[in-house]
All heavy atoms as atom14 arrays in JSON, in Angstrom:
{
  "sequence": "SPALSEGEEFTRLSQPPADTVLGIAVPLDLLQDTLGRSLGYEIEW",
  "atom14_mask": [
    [1, 1, 1, 1, 1, 1, 0, 0, 0, 0, 0, 0, 0, 0],
    [1, 1, 1, 1, 1, 1, 1, 0, 0, 0, 0, 0, 0, 0],
    [1, 1, 1, 1, 1, 0, 0, 0, 0, 0, 0, 0, 0, 0],
    [1, 1, 1, 1, 1, 1, 1, 1, 0, 0, 0, 0, 0, 0],
    [1, 1, 1, 1, 1, 1, 0, 0, 0, 0, 0, 0, 0, 0],
    [1, 1, 1, 1, 1, 1, 1, 1, 1, 0, 0, 0, 0, 0],
    [1, 1, 1, 1, 0, 0, 0, 0, 0, 0, 0, 0, 0, 0],
    [1, 1, 1, 1, 1, 1, 1, 1, 1, 0, 0, 0, 0, 0],
    [1, 1, 1, 1, 1, 1, 1, 1, 1, 0, 0, 0, 0, 0],
    [1, 1, 1, 1, 1, 1, 1, 1, 1, 1, 1, 0, 0, 0],
    [1, 1, 1, 1, 1, 1, 1, 0, 0, 0, 0, 0, 0, 0],
    [1, 1, 1, 1, 1, 1, 1, 1, 1, 1, 1, 0, 0, 0],
    [1, 1, 1, 1, 1, 1, 1, 1, 0, 0, 0, 0, 0, 0],
    [1, 1, 1, 1, 1, 1, 0, 0, 0, 0, 0, 0, 0, 0],
    [1, 1, 1, 1, 1, 1, 1, 1, 1, 0, 0, 0, 0, 0],
    [1, 1, 1, 1, 1, 1, 1, 0, 0, 0, 0, 0, 0, 0],
    [1, 1, 1, 1, 1, 1, 1, 0, 0, 0, 0, 0, 0, 0],
    [1, 1, 1, 1, 1, 0, 0, 0, 0, 0, 0, 0, 0, 0],
    [1, 1, 1, 1, 1, 1, 1, 1, 0, 0, 0, 0, 0, 0],
    [1, 1, 1, 1, 1, 1, 1, 0, 0, 0, 0, 0, 0, 0],
    [1, 1, 1, 1, 1, 1, 1, 0, 0, 0, 0, 0, 0, 0],
    [1, 1, 1, 1, 1, 1, 1, 1, 0, 0, 0, 0, 0, 0],
    [1, 1, 1, 1, 0, 0, 0, 0, 0, 0, 0, 0, 0, 0],
    [1, 1, 1, 1, 1, 1, 1, 1, 0, 0, 0, 0, 0, 0],
    [1, 1, 1, 1, 1, 0, 0, 0, 0, 0, 0, 0, 0, 0],
    [1, 1, 1, 1, 1, 1, 1, 0, 0, 0, 0, 0, 0, 0],
    [1, 1, 1, 1, 1, 1, 1, 0, 0, 0, 0, 0, 0, 0],
    [1, 1, 1, 1, 1, 1, 1, 1, 0, 0, 0, 0, 0, 0],
    [1, 1, 1, 1, 1, 1, 1, 1, 0, 0, 0, 0, 0, 0],
    [1, 1, 1, 1, 1, 1, 1, 1, 0, 0, 0, 0, 0, 0],
    [1, 1, 1, 1, 1, 1, 1, 1, 0, 0, 0, 0, 0, 0],
    [1, 1, 1, 1, 1, 1, 1, 1, 1, 0, 0, 0, 0, 0],
    [1, 1, 1, 1, 1, 1, 1, 1, 0, 0, 0, 0, 0, 0],
    [1, 1, 1, 1, 1, 1, 1, 0, 0, 0, 0, 0, 0, 0],
    [1, 1, 1, 1, 1, 1, 1, 1, 0, 0, 0, 0, 0, 0],
    [1, 1, 1, 1, 0, 0, 0, 0, 0, 0, 0, 0, 0, 0],
    [1, 1, 1, 1, 1, 1, 1, 1, 1, 1, 1, 0, 0, 0],
    [1, 1, 1, 1, 1, 1, 0, 0, 0, 0, 0, 0, 0, 0],
    [1, 1, 1, 1, 1, 1, 1, 1, 0, 0, 0, 0, 0, 0],
    [1, 1, 1, 1, 0, 0, 0, 0, 0, 0, 0, 0, 0, 0],
    [1, 1, 1, 1, 1, 1, 1, 1, 1, 1, 1, 1, 0, 0],
    [1, 1, 1, 1, 1, 1, 1, 1, 1, 0, 0, 0, 0, 0],
    [1, 1, 1, 1, 1, 1, 1, 1, 0, 0, 0, 0, 0, 0],
    [1, 1, 1, 1, 1, 1, 1, 1, 1, 0, 0, 0, 0, 0],
    [1, 1, 1, 1, 1, 1, 1, 1, 1, 1, 1, 1, 1, 1]
  ],
  "atom14_positions": [
    [[83.68, 92.43, 88.32], [82.54, 92.63, 89.19], [82.53, 94.1, 89.7], [83.58, 94.52, 90.25], [82.61, 91.67, 90.38], [81.75, 92.0, 91.34], [0.0, 0.0, 0.0], [0.0, 0.0, 0.0], [0.0, 0.0, 0.0], [0.0, 0.0, 0.0], [0.0, 0.0, 0.0], [0.0, 0.0, 0.0], [0.0, 0.0, 0.0], [0.0, 0.0, 0.0]],
    [[81.49, 94.79, 89.59], [81.47, 96.13, 90.05], [81.01, 96.32, 91.53], [80.39, 97.21, 91.9], [80.24, 96.84, 89.24], [79.38, 95.61, 88.95], [80.13, 94.39, 88.92], [0.0, 0.0, 0.0], [0.0, 0.0, 0.0], [0.0, 0.0, 0.0], [0.0, 0.0, 0.0], [0.0, 0.0, 0.0], [0.0, 0.0, 0.0], [0.0, 0.0, 0.0]],
    [[81.56, 95.38, 92.27], [81.23, 95.35, 93.77], [82.48, 95.42, 94.6], [83.5, 94.71, 94.24], [80.31, 94.15, 94.07], [0.0, 0.0, 0.0], [0.0, 0.0, 0.0], [0.0, 0.0, 0.0], [0.0, 0.0, 0.0], [0.0, 0.0, 0.0], [0.0, 0.0, 0.0], [0.0, 0.0, 0.0], [0.0, 0.0, 0.0], [0.0, 0.0, 0.0]],
    [[82.49, 96.22, 95.57], [83.53, 96.26, 96.6], [83.14, 95.83, 97.93], [81.97, 96.34, 98.34], [84.18, 97.75, 96.76], [85.33, 98.0, 97.58], [86.54, 97.56, 96.97], [85.38, 99.52, 97.82], [0.0, 0.0, 0.0], [0.0, 0.0, 0.0], [0.0, 0.0, 0.0], [0.0, 0.0, 0.0], [0.0, 0.0, 0.0], [0.0, 0.0, 0.0]],
    [[83.59, 94.81, 98.6], [83.02, 94.33, 99.84], [84.06, 94.45, 100.87], [85.27, 94.35, 100.75], [82.59, 92.84, 99.63], [83.72, 92.03, 99.49], [0.0, 0.0, 0.0], [0.0, 0.0, 0.0], [0.0, 0.0, 0.0], [0.0, 0.0, 0.0], [0.0, 0.0, 0.0], [0.0, 0.0, 0.0], [0.0, 0.0, 0.0], [0.0, 0.0, 0.0]],
    [[83.53, 94.81, 102.12], [84.34, 94.87, 103.39], [83.44, 94.26, 104.44], [82.48, 94.85, 104.83], [84.68, 96.34, 103.67], [85.58, 96.44, 104.9], [86.11, 97.82, 105.13], [85.67, 98.71, 104.38], [86.77, 98.08, 106.11], [0.0, 0.0, 0.0], [0.0, 0.0, 0.0], [0.0, 0.0, 0.0], [0.0, 0.0, 0.0], [0.0, 0.0, 0.0]],
    [[83.83, 93.15, 104.94], [82.94, 92.43, 105.84], [81.64, 92.07, 105.21], [81.55, 91.46, 104.1], [0.0, 0.0, 0.0], [0.0, 0.0, 0.0], [0.0, 0.0, 0.0], [0.0, 0.0, 0.0], [0.0, 0.0, 0.0], [0.0, 0.0, 0.0], [0.0, 0.0, 0.0], [0.0, 0.0, 0.0], [0.0, 0.0, 0.0], [0.0, 0.0, 0.0]],
    [[80.55, 92.57, 105.93], [79.15, 92.27, 105.3], [78.68, 93.49, 104.58], [77.49, 93.49, 104.03], [78.16, 92.02, 106.47], [78.49, 90.74, 107.27], [77.58, 90.47, 108.37], [76.7, 91.46, 108.63], [77.59, 89.5, 109.07], [0.0, 0.0, 0.0], [0.0, 0.0, 0.0], [0.0, 0.0, 0.0], [0.0, 0.0, 0.0], [0.0, 0.0, 0.0]],
    [[79.52, 94.56, 104.38], [79.05, 95.72, 103.55], [79.52, 95.68, 102.15], [80.7, 95.22, 101.9], [79.68, 97.0, 104.26], [79.08, 97.24, 105.67], [79.58, 98.54, 106.31], [80.27, 99.25, 105.52], [79.29, 98.82, 107.46], [0.0, 0.0, 0.0], [0.0, 0.0, 0.0], [0.0, 0.0, 0.0], [0.0, 0.0, 0.0], [0.0, 0.0, 0.0]],
    [[78.66, 96.05, 101.33], [79.04, 96.11, 99.86], [78.79, 97.52, 99.25], [77.85, 98.23, 99.54], [78.04, 95.0, 99.06], [78.4, 93.67, 99.39], [77.87, 93.02, 100.36], [79.15, 92.93, 98.48], [78.18, 91.73, 100.72], [79.54, 91.62, 98.74], [78.96, 90.94, 99.84], [0.0, 0.0, 0.0], [0.0, 0.0, 0.0], [0.0, 0.0, 0.0]],
    [[79.77, 97.83, 98.4], [79.74, 99.15, 97.72], [79.73, 98.91, 96.19], [80.48, 98.14, 95.7], [80.82, 100.04, 98.05], [80.76, 100.25, 99.47], [80.67, 101.38, 97.43], [0.0, 0.0, 0.0], [0.0, 0.0, 0.0], [0.0, 0.0, 0.0], [0.0, 0.0, 0.0], [0.0, 0.0, 0.0], [0.0, 0.0, 0.0], [0.0, 0.0, 0.0]],
    [[78.79, 99.6, 95.46], [78.76, 99.43, 94.03], [79.74, 100.35, 93.41], [79.7, 101.56, 93.75], [77.37, 99.68, 93.42], [77.35, 99.33, 92.01], [75.87, 99.3, 91.53], [75.76, 98.91, 90.09], [75.86, 97.72, 89.62], [75.8, 96.71, 90.44], [75.79, 97.52, 88.24], [0.0, 0.0, 0.0], [0.0, 0.0, 0.0], [0.0, 0.0, 0.0]],
    [[80.62, 99.96, 92.49], [81.58, 100.76, 91.78], [81.09, 101.22, 90.51], [80.13, 100.82, 89.98], [82.88, 99.88, 91.53], [83.63, 99.37, 92.81], [84.71, 98.35, 92.38], [84.18, 100.44, 93.76], [0.0, 0.0, 0.0], [0.0, 0.0, 0.0], [0.0, 0.0, 0.0], [0.0, 0.0, 0.0], [0.0, 0.0, 0.0], [0.0, 0.0, 0.0]],
    [[81.71, 102.37, 90.09], [81.32, 103.02, 88.86], [81.46, 102.03, 87.62], [80.82, 102.16, 86.57], [82.07, 104.3, 88.63], [83.44, 104.0, 88.53], [0.0, 0.0, 0.0], [0.0, 0.0, 0.0], [0.0, 0.0, 0.0], [0.0, 0.0, 0.0], [0.0, 0.0, 0.0], [0.0, 0.0, 0.0], [0.0, 0.0, 0.0], [0.0, 0.0, 0.0]],
    [[82.49, 101.14, 87.73], [82.72, 100.09, 86.74], [83.55, 98.96, 87.39], [84.22, 99.24, 88.31], [83.36, 100.76, 85.47], [84.78, 101.24, 85.74], [85.44, 101.81, 84.44], [85.48, 101.03, 83.4], [86.05, 102.92, 84.46], [0.0, 0.0, 0.0], [0.0, 0.0, 0.0], [0.0, 0.0, 0.0], [0.0, 0.0, 0.0], [0.0, 0.0, 0.0]],
    [[83.56, 97.86, 86.69], [84.38, 96.75, 87.28], [85.85, 96.88, 87.06], [86.2, 97.43, 86.04], [83.8, 95.48, 86.45], [82.54, 95.92, 85.74], [82.75, 97.46, 85.53], [0.0, 0.0, 0.0], [0.0, 0.0, 0.0], [0.0, 0.0, 0.0], [0.0, 0.0, 0.0], [0.0, 0.0, 0.0], [0.0, 0.0, 0.0], [0.0, 0.0, 0.0]],
    [[86.65, 96.47, 88.05], [88.1, 96.45, 87.78], [88.29, 95.43, 86.73], [87.54, 94.68, 86.26], [88.64, 95.87, 89.13], [87.62, 96.22, 90.1], [86.34, 96.08, 89.42], [0.0, 0.0, 0.0], [0.0, 0.0, 0.0], [0.0, 0.0, 0.0], [0.0, 0.0, 0.0], [0.0, 0.0, 0.0], [0.0, 0.0, 0.0], [0.0, 0.0, 0.0]],
    [[89.52, 95.48, 86.13], [89.97, 94.67, 84.98], [91.39, 94.12, 85.13], [92.27, 94.8, 85.47], [89.83, 95.41, 83.64], [0.0, 0.0, 0.0], [0.0, 0.0, 0.0], [0.0, 0.0, 0.0], [0.0, 0.0, 0.0], [0.0, 0.0, 0.0], [0.0, 0.0, 0.0], [0.0, 0.0, 0.0], [0.0, 0.0, 0.0], [0.0, 0.0, 0.0]],
    [[91.61, 92.85, 84.68], [92.95, 92.28, 84.66], [93.61, 92.81, 83.36], [93.09, 92.69, 82.26], [92.85, 90.79, 84.61], [92.78, 90.16, 86.02], [93.41, 90.75, 86.98], [92.04, 89.2, 86.22], [0.0, 0.0, 0.0], [0.0, 0.0, 0.0], [0.0, 0.0, 0.0], [0.0, 0.0, 0.0], [0.0, 0.0, 0.0], [0.0, 0.0, 0.0]],
    [[94.85, 93.3, 83.51], [95.57, 93.86, 82.36], [96.94, 93.3, 82.4], [97.41, 92.56, 83.37], [95.67, 95.38, 82.42], [96.57, 95.75, 83.43], [94.36, 96.09, 82.63], [0.0, 0.0, 0.0], [0.0, 0.0, 0.0], [0.0, 0.0, 0.0], [0.0, 0.0, 0.0], [0.0, 0.0, 0.0], [0.0, 0.0, 0.0], [0.0, 0.0, 0.0]],
    [[97.78, 93.53, 81.37], [99.14, 93.07, 81.26], [99.94, 93.78, 82.38], [101.02, 93.19, 82.75], [99.76, 93.39, 79.92], [99.11, 92.59, 78.77], [99.75, 94.96, 79.65], [0.0, 0.0, 0.0], [0.0, 0.0, 0.0], [0.0, 0.0, 0.0], [0.0, 0.0, 0.0], [0.0, 0.0, 0.0], [0.0, 0.0, 0.0], [0.0, 0.0, 0.0]],
    [[99.48, 94.86, 82.92], [100.17, 95.43, 84.05], [99.63, 95.18, 85.47], [99.97, 95.8, 86.46], [100.14, 97.03, 83.86], [100.86, 97.52, 82.56], [100.6, 99.04, 82.43], [102.33, 97.13, 82.54], [0.0, 0.0, 0.0], [0.0, 0.0, 0.0], [0.0, 0.0, 0.0], [0.0, 0.0, 0.0], [0.0, 0.0, 0.0], [0.0, 0.0, 0.0]],
    [[98.74, 94.26, 85.48], [98.14, 93.76, 86.79], [96.73, 94.27, 86.92], [96.12, 94.74, 85.81], [0.0, 0.0, 0.0], [0.0, 0.0, 0.0], [0.0, 0.0, 0.0], [0.0, 0.0, 0.0], [0.0, 0.0, 0.0], [0.0, 0.0, 0.0], [0.0, 0.0, 0.0], [0.0, 0.0, 0.0], [0.0, 0.0, 0.0], [0.0, 0.0, 0.0]],
    [[96.03, 94.18, 87.97], [94.67, 94.61, 88.26], [94.59, 96.15, 88.09], [95.42, 96.95, 88.68], [94.13, 94.1, 89.59], [92.72, 94.45, 89.78], [95.0, 94.79, 90.78], [91.83, 93.49, 88.81], [0.0, 0.0, 0.0], [0.0, 0.0, 0.0], [0.0, 0.0, 0.0], [0.0, 0.0, 0.0], [0.0, 0.0, 0.0], [0.0, 0.0, 0.0]],
    [[93.65, 96.57, 87.32], [93.43, 98.06, 87.15], [91.98, 98.37, 87.68], [90.97, 97.67, 87.42], [93.56, 98.48, 85.64], [0.0, 0.0, 0.0], [0.0, 0.0, 0.0], [0.0, 0.0, 0.0], [0.0, 0.0, 0.0], [0.0, 0.0, 0.0], [0.0, 0.0, 0.0], [0.0, 0.0, 0.0], [0.0, 0.0, 0.0], [0.0, 0.0, 0.0]],
    [[91.78, 99.5, 88.31], [90.61, 99.75, 89.14], [90.1, 101.14, 88.8], [90.95, 102.04, 88.4], [90.92, 99.64, 90.67], [91.25, 98.19, 90.96], [91.94, 100.68, 91.15], [0.0, 0.0, 0.0], [0.0, 0.0, 0.0], [0.0, 0.0, 0.0], [0.0, 0.0, 0.0], [0.0, 0.0, 0.0], [0.0, 0.0, 0.0], [0.0, 0.0, 0.0]],
    [[88.81, 101.44, 89.01], [88.24, 102.76, 88.77], [88.67, 103.66, 89.93], [89.08, 103.38, 90.98], [86.74, 102.52, 88.74], [86.51, 101.28, 89.64], [87.72, 100.42, 89.44], [0.0, 0.0, 0.0], [0.0, 0.0, 0.0], [0.0, 0.0, 0.0], [0.0, 0.0, 0.0], [0.0, 0.0, 0.0], [0.0, 0.0, 0.0], [0.0, 0.0, 0.0]],
    [[88.47, 105.02, 89.68], [88.83, 106.05, 90.56], [88.03, 105.95, 91.9], [88.74, 106.11, 92.91], [88.44, 107.43, 89.93], [88.95, 108.71, 90.81], [90.39, 108.75, 91.0], [88.33, 109.89, 90.11], [0.0, 0.0, 0.0], [0.0, 0.0, 0.0], [0.0, 0.0, 0.0], [0.0, 0.0, 0.0], [0.0, 0.0, 0.0], [0.0, 0.0, 0.0]],
    [[86.76, 105.58, 91.95], [86.04, 105.5, 93.22], [86.59, 104.46, 94.09], [86.52, 104.68, 95.37], [84.58, 105.43, 92.94], [84.12, 104.29, 92.01], [85.05, 103.92, 91.27], [83.0, 103.87, 91.95], [0.0, 0.0, 0.0], [0.0, 0.0, 0.0], [0.0, 0.0, 0.0], [0.0, 0.0, 0.0], [0.0, 0.0, 0.0], [0.0, 0.0, 0.0]],
    [[87.13, 103.39, 93.51], [87.73, 102.33, 94.33], [88.92, 102.91, 94.99], [89.22, 102.63, 96.32], [88.14, 101.01, 93.59], [88.65, 99.95, 94.35], [88.19, 98.58, 93.76], [90.14, 99.84, 94.5], [0.0, 0.0, 0.0], [0.0, 0.0, 0.0], [0.0, 0.0, 0.0], [0.0, 0.0, 0.0], [0.0, 0.0, 0.0], [0.0, 0.0, 0.0]],
    [[89.9, 103.68, 94.39], [90.97, 104.27, 94.99], [90.54, 105.28, 96.06], [91.1, 105.27, 97.13], [91.79, 105.02, 93.88], [92.47, 104.25, 92.69], [93.06, 105.11, 91.75], [93.39, 103.25, 93.35], [0.0, 0.0, 0.0], [0.0, 0.0, 0.0], [0.0, 0.0, 0.0], [0.0, 0.0, 0.0], [0.0, 0.0, 0.0], [0.0, 0.0, 0.0]],
    [[89.58, 106.02, 95.81], [89.2, 107.04, 96.8], [88.55, 106.43, 98.01], [88.81, 106.83, 99.08], [88.08, 107.96, 96.06], [88.74, 108.77, 95.15], [87.73, 109.62, 94.32], [86.5, 109.17, 94.15], [88.04, 110.75, 93.72], [0.0, 0.0, 0.0], [0.0, 0.0, 0.0], [0.0, 0.0, 0.0], [0.0, 0.0, 0.0], [0.0, 0.0, 0.0]],
    [[87.86, 105.29, 97.91], [87.2, 104.63, 98.98], [88.2, 103.84, 99.85], [88.0, 103.62, 101.11], [86.08, 103.68, 98.66], [85.35, 103.1, 99.72], [84.63, 103.83, 100.4], [85.38, 101.86, 99.93], [0.0, 0.0, 0.0], [0.0, 0.0, 0.0], [0.0, 0.0, 0.0], [0.0, 0.0, 0.0], [0.0, 0.0, 0.0], [0.0, 0.0, 0.0]],
    [[89.35, 103.3, 99.19], [90.27, 102.47, 99.96], [91.49, 103.27, 100.29], [91.62, 103.73, 101.48], [90.58, 101.31, 99.05], [91.21, 101.77, 97.84], [89.44, 100.4, 98.81], [0.0, 0.0, 0.0], [0.0, 0.0, 0.0], [0.0, 0.0, 0.0], [0.0, 0.0, 0.0], [0.0, 0.0, 0.0], [0.0, 0.0, 0.0], [0.0, 0.0, 0.0]],
    [[92.45, 103.52, 99.39], [93.68, 104.18, 99.69], [93.43, 105.73, 100.19], [94.09, 106.04, 101.21], [94.65, 104.37, 98.54], [94.98, 102.9, 97.94], [95.73, 103.16, 96.61], [95.85, 102.2, 98.98], [0.0, 0.0, 0.0], [0.0, 0.0, 0.0], [0.0, 0.0, 0.0], [0.0, 0.0, 0.0], [0.0, 0.0, 0.0], [0.0, 0.0, 0.0]],
    [[92.48, 106.25, 99.64], [92.09, 107.62, 100.04], [91.5, 107.76, 101.39], [92.06, 108.39, 102.3], [0.0, 0.0, 0.0], [0.0, 0.0, 0.0], [0.0, 0.0, 0.0], [0.0, 0.0, 0.0], [0.0, 0.0, 0.0], [0.0, 0.0, 0.0], [0.0, 0.0, 0.0], [0.0, 0.0, 0.0], [0.0, 0.0, 0.0], [0.0, 0.0, 0.0]],
    [[90.54, 107.02, 101.73], [89.8, 107.06, 102.94], [90.68, 106.52, 104.12], [90.61, 107.12, 105.16], [88.47, 106.34, 102.89], [87.52, 106.51, 104.05], [86.24, 105.75, 103.83], [86.02, 104.73, 105.04], [85.18, 103.77, 104.91], [84.53, 103.59, 103.76], [85.03, 102.93, 105.82], [0.0, 0.0, 0.0], [0.0, 0.0, 0.0], [0.0, 0.0, 0.0]],
    [[91.41, 105.41, 103.73], [92.06, 104.64, 104.87], [93.4, 105.38, 105.22], [93.77, 105.48, 106.42], [92.29, 103.27, 104.5], [91.05, 102.52, 104.54], [0.0, 0.0, 0.0], [0.0, 0.0, 0.0], [0.0, 0.0, 0.0], [0.0, 0.0, 0.0], [0.0, 0.0, 0.0], [0.0, 0.0, 0.0], [0.0, 0.0, 0.0], [0.0, 0.0, 0.0]],
    [[94.14, 105.74, 104.18], [95.51, 106.31, 104.38], [95.55, 107.84, 104.43], [96.66, 108.42, 104.62], [96.31, 105.71, 103.29], [96.4, 104.2, 103.18], [97.39, 103.81, 102.07], [96.87, 103.57, 104.53], [0.0, 0.0, 0.0], [0.0, 0.0, 0.0], [0.0, 0.0, 0.0], [0.0, 0.0, 0.0], [0.0, 0.0, 0.0], [0.0, 0.0, 0.0]],
    [[94.38, 108.44, 104.32], [94.36, 109.9, 104.46], [94.87, 110.69, 103.24], [95.37, 111.79, 103.4], [0.0, 0.0, 0.0], [0.0, 0.0, 0.0], [0.0, 0.0, 0.0], [0.0, 0.0, 0.0], [0.0, 0.0, 0.0], [0.0, 0.0, 0.0], [0.0, 0.0, 0.0], [0.0, 0.0, 0.0], [0.0, 0.0, 0.0], [0.0, 0.0, 0.0]],
    [[94.55, 110.27, 102.04], [94.95, 110.88, 100.76], [93.72, 111.44, 100.03], [92.61, 110.78, 99.94], [95.7, 109.91, 99.89], [97.09, 109.61, 100.32], [97.35, 108.42, 100.95], [98.13, 110.46, 100.04], [98.66, 108.03, 101.34], [99.39, 110.16, 100.43], [99.67, 108.91, 101.21], [100.92, 108.59, 101.61], [0.0, 0.0, 0.0], [0.0, 0.0, 0.0]],
    [[93.88, 112.52, 99.42], [92.85, 113.15, 98.48], [93.22, 112.69, 97.03], [94.32, 113.09, 96.59], [92.84, 114.65, 98.6], [91.67, 115.25, 97.76], [91.47, 116.64, 98.17], [92.32, 117.28, 98.78], [90.52, 117.31, 97.6], [0.0, 0.0, 0.0], [0.0, 0.0, 0.0], [0.0, 0.0, 0.0], [0.0, 0.0, 0.0], [0.0, 0.0, 0.0]],
    [[92.43, 112.01, 96.44], [92.84, 111.33, 95.17], [91.84, 112.01, 94.07], [90.66, 111.87, 94.22], [92.66, 109.94, 95.16], [93.6, 109.29, 96.19], [93.01, 109.34, 93.79], [93.54, 107.72, 96.34], [0.0, 0.0, 0.0], [0.0, 0.0, 0.0], [0.0, 0.0, 0.0], [0.0, 0.0, 0.0], [0.0, 0.0, 0.0], [0.0, 0.0, 0.0]],
    [[92.53, 112.57, 93.03], [91.74, 113.39, 91.86], [92.16, 113.01, 90.63], [93.49, 112.87, 90.44], [91.78, 114.89, 92.29], [91.15, 115.7, 91.23], [91.38, 117.17, 91.44], [92.38, 117.5, 92.13], [90.77, 117.97, 90.74], [0.0, 0.0, 0.0], [0.0, 0.0, 0.0], [0.0, 0.0, 0.0], [0.0, 0.0, 0.0], [0.0, 0.0, 0.0]],
    [[91.26, 112.81, 89.64], [91.74, 112.55, 88.27], [91.5, 113.78, 87.47], [90.33, 114.29, 87.28], [91.03, 111.37, 87.69], [91.18, 111.14, 86.26], [90.27, 111.3, 85.17], [92.37, 110.91, 85.53], [90.71, 111.07, 83.95], [92.15, 110.84, 84.06], [93.78, 110.72, 85.91], [93.09, 110.57, 83.22], [94.63, 110.53, 84.89], [94.35, 110.35, 83.47]]
  ]
}
């Protein structure tokens, strides 16, 4: 699903996350919106 939700707010992701043998894998914009914005990190690929 290319959607990220927080409460009643929805954000469209660049591509859907995927289940892999190493666990859930996510696109860069999800990292930037969550770990980056909340924990104060600048995340760059």
